[in-house]
N, C-alpha and C. Protein backbone atom coordinates (compact mmCIF):
# COMPACT_ATOMS: atom_id res chain seq x y z
N UNK A 1 0.85 -1.18 0.00
CA UNK A 1 0.00 0.00 0.00
C UNK A 1 0.89 1.24 0.00
N UNK A 2 0.64 2.15 -0.90
CA UNK A 2 1.41 3.38 -1.00
C UNK A 2 0.78 4.45 -0.10
N UNK A 3 1.64 5.22 0.52
CA UNK A 3 1.19 6.32 1.37
C UNK A 3 1.41 7.63 0.63
N UNK A 4 0.68 8.66 1.03
CA UNK A 4 0.88 9.99 0.47
C UNK A 4 1.22 10.92 1.63
N UNK A 5 2.36 11.64 1.50
CA UNK A 5 2.77 12.56 2.54
C UNK A 5 3.15 13.88 1.88
N UNK A 6 2.56 14.96 2.36
CA UNK A 6 2.81 16.29 1.81
C UNK A 6 2.52 16.35 0.31
N UNK A 7 1.54 15.59 -0.14
CA UNK A 7 1.14 15.63 -1.53
C UNK A 7 1.98 14.80 -2.47
N UNK A 8 3.03 14.14 -1.96
CA UNK A 8 3.91 13.32 -2.80
C UNK A 8 3.79 11.87 -2.37
N UNK A 9 3.75 10.94 -3.31
CA UNK A 9 3.62 9.53 -2.94
C UNK A 9 4.87 9.01 -2.25
N UNK A 10 4.68 8.16 -1.25
CA UNK A 10 5.77 7.51 -0.54
C UNK A 10 5.70 6.03 -0.88
N UNK A 11 6.71 5.55 -1.59
CA UNK A 11 6.72 4.16 -2.02
C UNK A 11 7.80 3.43 -1.22
N UNK A 12 7.42 2.34 -0.56
CA UNK A 12 8.37 1.57 0.23
C UNK A 12 9.01 0.52 -0.67
N UNK A 13 10.25 0.79 -1.08
CA UNK A 13 11.01 -0.10 -1.94
C UNK A 13 12.42 -0.24 -1.40
N UNK A 14 13.20 -1.19 -1.89
CA UNK A 14 14.60 -1.26 -1.46
C UNK A 14 15.33 0.05 -1.75
N UNK A 15 16.27 0.40 -0.88
CA UNK A 15 16.98 1.67 -1.00
C UNK A 15 17.86 1.70 -2.23
N UNK A 16 17.70 2.73 -3.04
CA UNK A 16 18.53 2.93 -4.22
C UNK A 16 19.80 3.66 -3.81
N UNK A 17 20.78 3.69 -4.68
CA UNK A 17 22.07 4.32 -4.37
C UNK A 17 21.92 5.82 -4.13
N UNK A 18 20.99 6.47 -4.80
CA UNK A 18 20.84 7.91 -4.66
C UNK A 18 19.57 8.27 -3.87
N UNK A 19 19.16 7.41 -2.96
CA UNK A 19 17.98 7.65 -2.16
C UNK A 19 18.38 7.82 -0.70
N UNK A 20 17.74 8.75 -0.01
CA UNK A 20 18.04 9.00 1.39
C UNK A 20 16.79 9.46 2.12
N UNK A 21 16.92 9.72 3.41
CA UNK A 21 15.81 10.15 4.23
C UNK A 21 15.81 11.66 4.34
N UNK A 22 14.71 12.29 3.97
CA UNK A 22 14.56 13.73 4.09
C UNK A 22 13.91 14.04 5.44
N UNK A 23 14.61 14.80 6.28
CA UNK A 23 14.11 15.12 7.61
C UNK A 23 12.90 16.05 7.54
N UNK A 24 12.89 16.94 6.58
CA UNK A 24 11.79 17.89 6.45
C UNK A 24 10.51 17.19 5.96
N UNK A 25 10.64 16.32 4.95
CA UNK A 25 9.49 15.59 4.41
C UNK A 25 9.13 14.38 5.28
N UNK A 26 10.09 13.91 6.10
CA UNK A 26 9.93 12.73 6.94
C UNK A 26 9.61 11.49 6.11
N UNK A 27 10.36 11.34 4.99
CA UNK A 27 10.17 10.20 4.11
C UNK A 27 11.44 9.98 3.29
N UNK A 28 11.57 8.78 2.72
CA UNK A 28 12.70 8.50 1.83
C UNK A 28 12.42 9.18 0.49
N UNK A 29 13.42 9.88 0.01
CA UNK A 29 13.30 10.61 -1.26
C UNK A 29 14.54 10.39 -2.10
N UNK A 30 14.41 10.59 -3.40
CA UNK A 30 15.55 10.53 -4.31
C UNK A 30 16.30 11.85 -4.22
N UNK A 31 17.64 11.77 -4.18
CA UNK A 31 18.47 12.97 -4.11
C UNK A 31 18.72 13.53 -5.49
N UNK A 32 18.60 14.85 -5.62
CA UNK A 32 19.03 15.54 -6.83
C UNK A 32 20.53 15.79 -6.70
N UNK A 33 21.26 15.66 -7.76
CA UNK A 33 22.71 15.86 -7.81
C UNK A 33 23.44 15.17 -6.66
N UNK A 34 23.30 13.84 -6.53
CA UNK A 34 24.01 13.14 -5.45
C UNK A 34 25.52 13.17 -5.67
N UNK A 35 26.26 13.43 -4.61
CA UNK A 35 27.71 13.51 -4.66
C UNK A 35 28.29 12.72 -3.49
N UNK A 36 29.28 11.86 -3.76
CA UNK A 36 29.91 11.12 -2.69
C UNK A 36 30.97 12.00 -2.03
N UNK A 37 30.94 12.08 -0.70
CA UNK A 37 31.88 12.89 0.07
C UNK A 37 32.48 12.05 1.17
N UNK A 38 33.55 12.56 1.81
CA UNK A 38 34.17 11.89 2.94
C UNK A 38 33.97 12.76 4.18
N UNK A 39 33.51 12.13 5.27
CA UNK A 39 33.30 12.83 6.53
C UNK A 39 34.29 12.31 7.56
N UNK A 40 34.73 13.15 8.49
CA UNK A 40 35.61 12.65 9.54
C UNK A 40 34.85 11.72 10.48
N UNK A 41 35.49 10.62 10.84
CA UNK A 41 34.88 9.65 11.75
C UNK A 41 35.67 9.55 13.03
N UNK A 42 35.30 8.60 13.87
CA UNK A 42 35.99 8.41 15.14
C UNK A 42 37.40 7.89 14.92
N UNK A 43 38.32 8.33 15.75
CA UNK A 43 39.69 7.84 15.70
C UNK A 43 40.45 8.22 14.46
N UNK A 44 40.07 9.31 13.81
CA UNK A 44 40.77 9.74 12.61
C UNK A 44 40.38 8.99 11.35
N UNK A 45 39.42 8.08 11.46
CA UNK A 45 38.96 7.33 10.29
C UNK A 45 38.12 8.25 9.39
N UNK A 46 37.91 7.81 8.17
CA UNK A 46 37.11 8.57 7.22
C UNK A 46 35.83 7.79 6.93
N UNK A 47 34.68 8.46 6.98
CA UNK A 47 33.39 7.83 6.67
C UNK A 47 32.92 8.30 5.30
N UNK A 48 32.43 7.35 4.52
CA UNK A 48 31.85 7.70 3.22
C UNK A 48 30.42 8.15 3.42
N UNK A 49 29.99 9.13 2.65
CA UNK A 49 28.61 9.62 2.73
C UNK A 49 28.19 10.13 1.35
N UNK A 50 26.90 10.22 1.16
CA UNK A 50 26.32 10.76 -0.06
C UNK A 50 25.55 12.01 0.34
N UNK A 51 25.75 13.09 -0.39
CA UNK A 51 25.02 14.32 -0.11
C UNK A 51 24.32 14.80 -1.39
N UNK A 52 23.20 15.44 -1.20
CA UNK A 52 22.42 15.95 -2.32
C UNK A 52 21.25 16.76 -1.78
N UNK A 53 20.30 17.07 -2.64
CA UNK A 53 19.12 17.82 -2.21
C UNK A 53 17.87 16.99 -2.46
N UNK A 54 16.85 17.20 -1.63
CA UNK A 54 15.58 16.48 -1.76
C UNK A 54 14.90 16.87 -3.07
N UNK A 55 14.37 15.87 -3.77
CA UNK A 55 13.72 16.14 -5.06
C UNK A 55 12.37 16.82 -4.89
N UNK A 56 11.81 16.82 -3.68
CA UNK A 56 10.49 17.43 -3.45
C UNK A 56 10.60 18.82 -2.85
N UNK A 57 11.36 18.95 -1.72
CA UNK A 57 11.39 20.23 -1.01
C UNK A 57 12.70 21.00 -1.16
N UNK A 58 13.77 20.35 -1.65
CA UNK A 58 15.03 21.04 -1.87
C UNK A 58 15.95 21.10 -0.66
N UNK A 59 15.59 20.44 0.45
CA UNK A 59 16.43 20.43 1.64
C UNK A 59 17.68 19.59 1.41
N UNK A 60 18.80 20.01 2.00
CA UNK A 60 20.05 19.26 1.88
C UNK A 60 19.92 17.94 2.64
N UNK A 61 20.38 16.84 2.00
CA UNK A 61 20.27 15.51 2.59
C UNK A 61 21.64 14.84 2.68
N UNK A 62 21.81 13.97 3.67
CA UNK A 62 23.01 13.16 3.81
C UNK A 62 22.61 11.71 3.97
N UNK A 63 23.43 10.80 3.46
CA UNK A 63 23.23 9.36 3.66
C UNK A 63 24.60 8.77 3.95
N UNK A 64 24.73 8.10 5.09
CA UNK A 64 25.99 7.45 5.46
C UNK A 64 26.09 6.16 4.66
N UNK A 65 27.22 5.94 3.99
CA UNK A 65 27.44 4.76 3.18
C UNK A 65 28.33 3.76 3.91
N UNK A 66 28.32 2.53 3.47
CA UNK A 66 29.16 1.49 4.04
C UNK A 66 30.57 1.59 3.49
N UNK A 67 31.42 0.69 3.98
CA UNK A 67 32.80 0.66 3.52
C UNK A 67 32.87 0.13 2.10
N UNK A 68 33.84 0.64 1.32
CA UNK A 68 34.06 0.12 -0.03
C UNK A 68 34.68 -1.25 0.08
N UNK A 69 34.26 -2.13 -0.78
CA UNK A 69 34.83 -3.49 -0.78
C UNK A 69 35.78 -3.66 -1.93
């Protein structure tokens, strides 16, 4: 069953590479212009992340990625 939030459909599907959670919309959304970045982690380690903007409201989004294999 699909939900509608803020006038946009919310579809529960497996997470795509350029999909993240929008805090403003409170739903998973596709990122516009997704870019992979590195964030500082604990102990001097580097964390991979994806940043972009929400396709519905334009809010900046982040998604923490796993380690590269």
